Amino acid sequence: MTAPTPPTAERQRQRSANLRTAAVLASIACVFFVGIIASKFLGTPSTAISVVGAAVLLFLVVAIGRNLRR
């Protein structure tokens, strides 16, 4: 038996949600890599932790804010 296919609108909504999630995860990975590279140039570990921590906090605020808006 094959599973019934979801309607086109539902499939498109799910695809959009998956793409948004992928974009958020990719941007978090990029911020971590840039933060690590920047810490090598800046030299101080506390600056690196501050930059990466601020980026993570910003992403959390954006993600939570987007869900509260709905």
N, C-alpha and C. Protein backbone atom coordinates (compact mmCIF):
# COMPACT_ATOMS: atom_id res chain seq x y z
N MET A 1 0.83 -1.17 0.00
CA MET A 1 0.00 0.00 0.00
C MET A 1 0.89 1.25 0.00
N THR A 2 0.50 2.23 -0.75
CA THR A 2 1.26 3.48 -0.78
C THR A 2 0.54 4.53 0.06
N ALA A 3 1.34 5.39 0.63
CA ALA A 3 0.77 6.46 1.46
C ALA A 3 0.17 7.53 0.55
N PRO A 4 -0.94 8.11 0.97
CA PRO A 4 -1.53 9.17 0.16
C PRO A 4 -0.61 10.40 0.13
N THR A 5 -0.55 11.04 -1.02
CA THR A 5 0.30 12.23 -1.13
C THR A 5 -0.44 13.44 -0.58
N PRO A 6 0.28 14.30 0.13
CA PRO A 6 -0.38 15.48 0.68
C PRO A 6 -0.75 16.46 -0.44
N PRO A 7 -1.69 17.32 -0.18
CA PRO A 7 -2.07 18.31 -1.19
C PRO A 7 -0.88 19.20 -1.55
N THR A 8 -0.94 19.80 -2.70
CA THR A 8 0.15 20.62 -3.18
C THR A 8 0.45 21.79 -2.25
N ALA A 9 -0.57 22.44 -1.72
CA ALA A 9 -0.35 23.57 -0.82
C ALA A 9 0.36 23.13 0.45
N GLU A 10 -0.01 21.99 0.98
CA GLU A 10 0.64 21.47 2.19
C GLU A 10 2.09 21.12 1.90
N ARG A 11 2.34 20.52 0.77
CA ARG A 11 3.71 20.16 0.38
C ARG A 11 4.57 21.41 0.23
N GLN A 12 4.02 22.45 -0.37
CA GLN A 12 4.76 23.70 -0.56
C GLN A 12 5.04 24.38 0.79
N ARG A 13 4.08 24.33 1.71
CA ARG A 13 4.28 24.92 3.03
C ARG A 13 5.39 24.18 3.78
N GLN A 14 5.39 22.87 3.68
CA GLN A 14 6.42 22.06 4.36
C GLN A 14 7.80 22.33 3.76
N ARG A 15 7.85 22.46 2.45
CA ARG A 15 9.13 22.75 1.79
C ARG A 15 9.65 24.12 2.22
N SER A 16 8.78 25.11 2.32
CA SER A 16 9.20 26.44 2.76
C SER A 16 9.73 26.40 4.18
N ALA A 17 9.06 25.66 5.04
CA ALA A 17 9.51 25.54 6.43
C ALA A 17 10.87 24.85 6.50
N ASN A 18 11.07 23.83 5.69
CA ASN A 18 12.35 23.12 5.66
C ASN A 18 13.47 24.03 5.17
N LEU A 19 13.19 24.84 4.16
CA LEU A 19 14.20 25.75 3.63
C LEU A 19 14.56 26.83 4.65
N ARG A 20 13.57 27.33 5.38
CA ARG A 20 13.86 28.32 6.43
C ARG A 20 14.74 27.72 7.52
N THR A 21 14.41 26.50 7.93
CA THR A 21 15.21 25.83 8.96
C THR A 21 16.63 25.60 8.48
N ALA A 22 16.78 25.18 7.24
CA ALA A 22 18.12 24.96 6.67
C ALA A 22 18.90 26.26 6.61
N ALA A 23 18.25 27.35 6.26
CA ALA A 23 18.94 28.64 6.18
C ALA A 23 19.40 29.09 7.56
N VAL A 24 18.57 28.91 8.57
CA VAL A 24 18.96 29.29 9.94
C VAL A 24 20.14 28.45 10.41
N LEU A 25 20.09 27.13 10.19
CA LEU A 25 21.19 26.27 10.63
C LEU A 25 22.48 26.57 9.88
N ALA A 26 22.39 26.85 8.59
CA ALA A 26 23.59 27.19 7.81
C ALA A 26 24.19 28.52 8.28
N SER A 27 23.34 29.47 8.59
CA SER A 27 23.86 30.76 9.04
C SER A 27 24.50 30.63 10.42
N ILE A 28 23.97 29.78 11.29
CA ILE A 28 24.59 29.55 12.59
C ILE A 28 25.98 28.93 12.41
N ALA A 29 26.09 27.97 11.51
CA ALA A 29 27.39 27.34 11.25
C ALA A 29 28.38 28.36 10.71
N CYS A 30 27.93 29.23 9.81
CA CYS A 30 28.82 30.26 9.26
C CYS A 30 29.29 31.22 10.34
N VAL A 31 28.39 31.60 11.24
CA VAL A 31 28.77 32.52 12.32
C VAL A 31 29.81 31.87 13.23
N PHE A 32 29.67 30.60 13.53
CA PHE A 32 30.65 29.93 14.36
C PHE A 32 32.01 29.89 13.67
N PHE A 33 32.03 29.54 12.39
CA PHE A 33 33.30 29.49 11.67
C PHE A 33 33.95 30.86 11.59
N VAL A 34 33.17 31.89 11.29
CA VAL A 34 33.72 33.24 11.23
C VAL A 34 34.20 33.68 12.61
N GLY A 35 33.47 33.34 13.64
CA GLY A 35 33.88 33.68 15.00
C GLY A 35 35.19 33.01 15.39
N ILE A 36 35.36 31.78 15.01
CA ILE A 36 36.60 31.06 15.32
C ILE A 36 37.77 31.67 14.57
N ILE A 37 37.56 31.96 13.29
CA ILE A 37 38.63 32.58 12.49
C ILE A 37 38.96 33.97 13.02
N ALA A 38 37.94 34.74 13.38
CA ALA A 38 38.18 36.07 13.92
C ALA A 38 38.93 36.00 15.25
N SER A 39 38.65 34.98 16.05
CA SER A 39 39.35 34.86 17.33
C SER A 39 40.84 34.60 17.13
N LYS A 40 41.19 33.91 16.06
CA LYS A 40 42.61 33.68 15.77
C LYS A 40 43.30 35.00 15.43
N PHE A 41 42.60 35.88 14.71
CA PHE A 41 43.20 37.16 14.34
C PHE A 41 43.21 38.13 15.51
N LEU A 42 42.18 38.11 16.34
CA LEU A 42 42.10 39.05 17.46
C LEU A 42 43.02 38.64 18.61
N GLY A 43 43.18 37.35 18.79
CA GLY A 43 44.13 36.87 19.78
C GLY A 43 43.57 36.62 21.16
N THR A 44 42.48 37.28 21.54
CA THR A 44 41.96 37.08 22.89
C THR A 44 40.75 36.14 22.88
N PRO A 45 40.78 35.12 23.69
CA PRO A 45 39.66 34.18 23.72
C PRO A 45 38.37 34.81 24.22
N SER A 46 38.46 35.78 25.11
CA SER A 46 37.24 36.39 25.63
C SER A 46 36.48 37.15 24.54
N THR A 47 37.21 37.75 23.61
CA THR A 47 36.57 38.43 22.49
C THR A 47 35.86 37.42 21.59
N ALA A 48 36.49 36.30 21.35
CA ALA A 48 35.88 35.27 20.50
C ALA A 48 34.62 34.73 21.15
N ILE A 49 34.67 34.48 22.44
CA ILE A 49 33.49 33.96 23.13
C ILE A 49 32.37 35.00 23.10
N SER A 50 32.73 36.26 23.25
CA SER A 50 31.73 37.32 23.21
C SER A 50 31.06 37.42 21.84
N VAL A 51 31.86 37.34 20.78
CA VAL A 51 31.31 37.44 19.42
C VAL A 51 30.38 36.27 19.13
N VAL A 52 30.83 35.07 19.41
CA VAL A 52 30.01 33.88 19.14
C VAL A 52 28.78 33.86 20.04
N GLY A 53 28.94 34.23 21.30
CA GLY A 53 27.80 34.27 22.21
C GLY A 53 26.75 35.28 21.78
N ALA A 54 27.20 36.45 21.33
CA ALA A 54 26.26 37.46 20.84
C ALA A 54 25.53 36.98 19.60
N ALA A 55 26.23 36.28 18.73
CA ALA A 55 25.60 35.76 17.52
C ALA A 55 24.54 34.72 17.86
N VAL A 56 24.86 33.83 18.79
CA VAL A 56 23.89 32.81 19.20
C VAL A 56 22.68 33.46 19.84
N LEU A 57 22.90 34.45 20.68
CA LEU A 57 21.80 35.16 21.31
C LEU A 57 20.92 35.85 20.27
N LEU A 58 21.54 36.46 19.28
CA LEU A 58 20.78 37.10 18.21
C LEU A 58 19.93 36.09 17.45
N PHE A 59 20.50 34.94 17.12
CA PHE A 59 19.73 33.92 16.42
C PHE A 59 18.56 33.42 17.26
N LEU A 60 18.77 33.25 18.56
CA LEU A 60 17.69 32.81 19.43
C LEU A 60 16.57 33.84 19.48
N VAL A 61 16.94 35.11 19.59
CA VAL A 61 15.93 36.16 19.63
C VAL A 61 15.13 36.19 18.33
N VAL A 62 15.80 36.06 17.21
CA VAL A 62 15.11 36.06 15.91
C VAL A 62 14.20 34.85 15.79
N ALA A 63 14.70 33.68 16.15
CA ALA A 63 13.89 32.46 16.02
C ALA A 63 12.68 32.48 16.94
N ILE A 64 12.87 32.88 18.19
CA ILE A 64 11.75 32.93 19.12
C ILE A 64 10.78 34.02 18.72
N GLY A 65 11.29 35.16 18.31
CA GLY A 65 10.42 36.24 17.87
C GLY A 65 9.58 35.88 16.67
N ARG A 66 10.16 35.14 15.75
CA ARG A 66 9.42 34.71 14.56
C ARG A 66 8.28 33.77 14.94
N ASN A 67 8.53 32.89 15.92
CA ASN A 67 7.49 31.96 16.34
C ASN A 67 6.41 32.66 17.17
N LEU A 68 6.77 33.68 17.93
CA LEU A 68 5.78 34.40 18.72
C LEU A 68 4.88 35.26 17.82
N ARG A 69 5.41 35.72 16.72
CA ARG A 69 4.65 36.57 15.82
C ARG A 69 3.48 35.81 15.20
N ARG A 70 3.61 34.54 15.04
CA ARG A 70 2.55 33.73 14.42
C ARG A 70 1.44 33.62 15.35
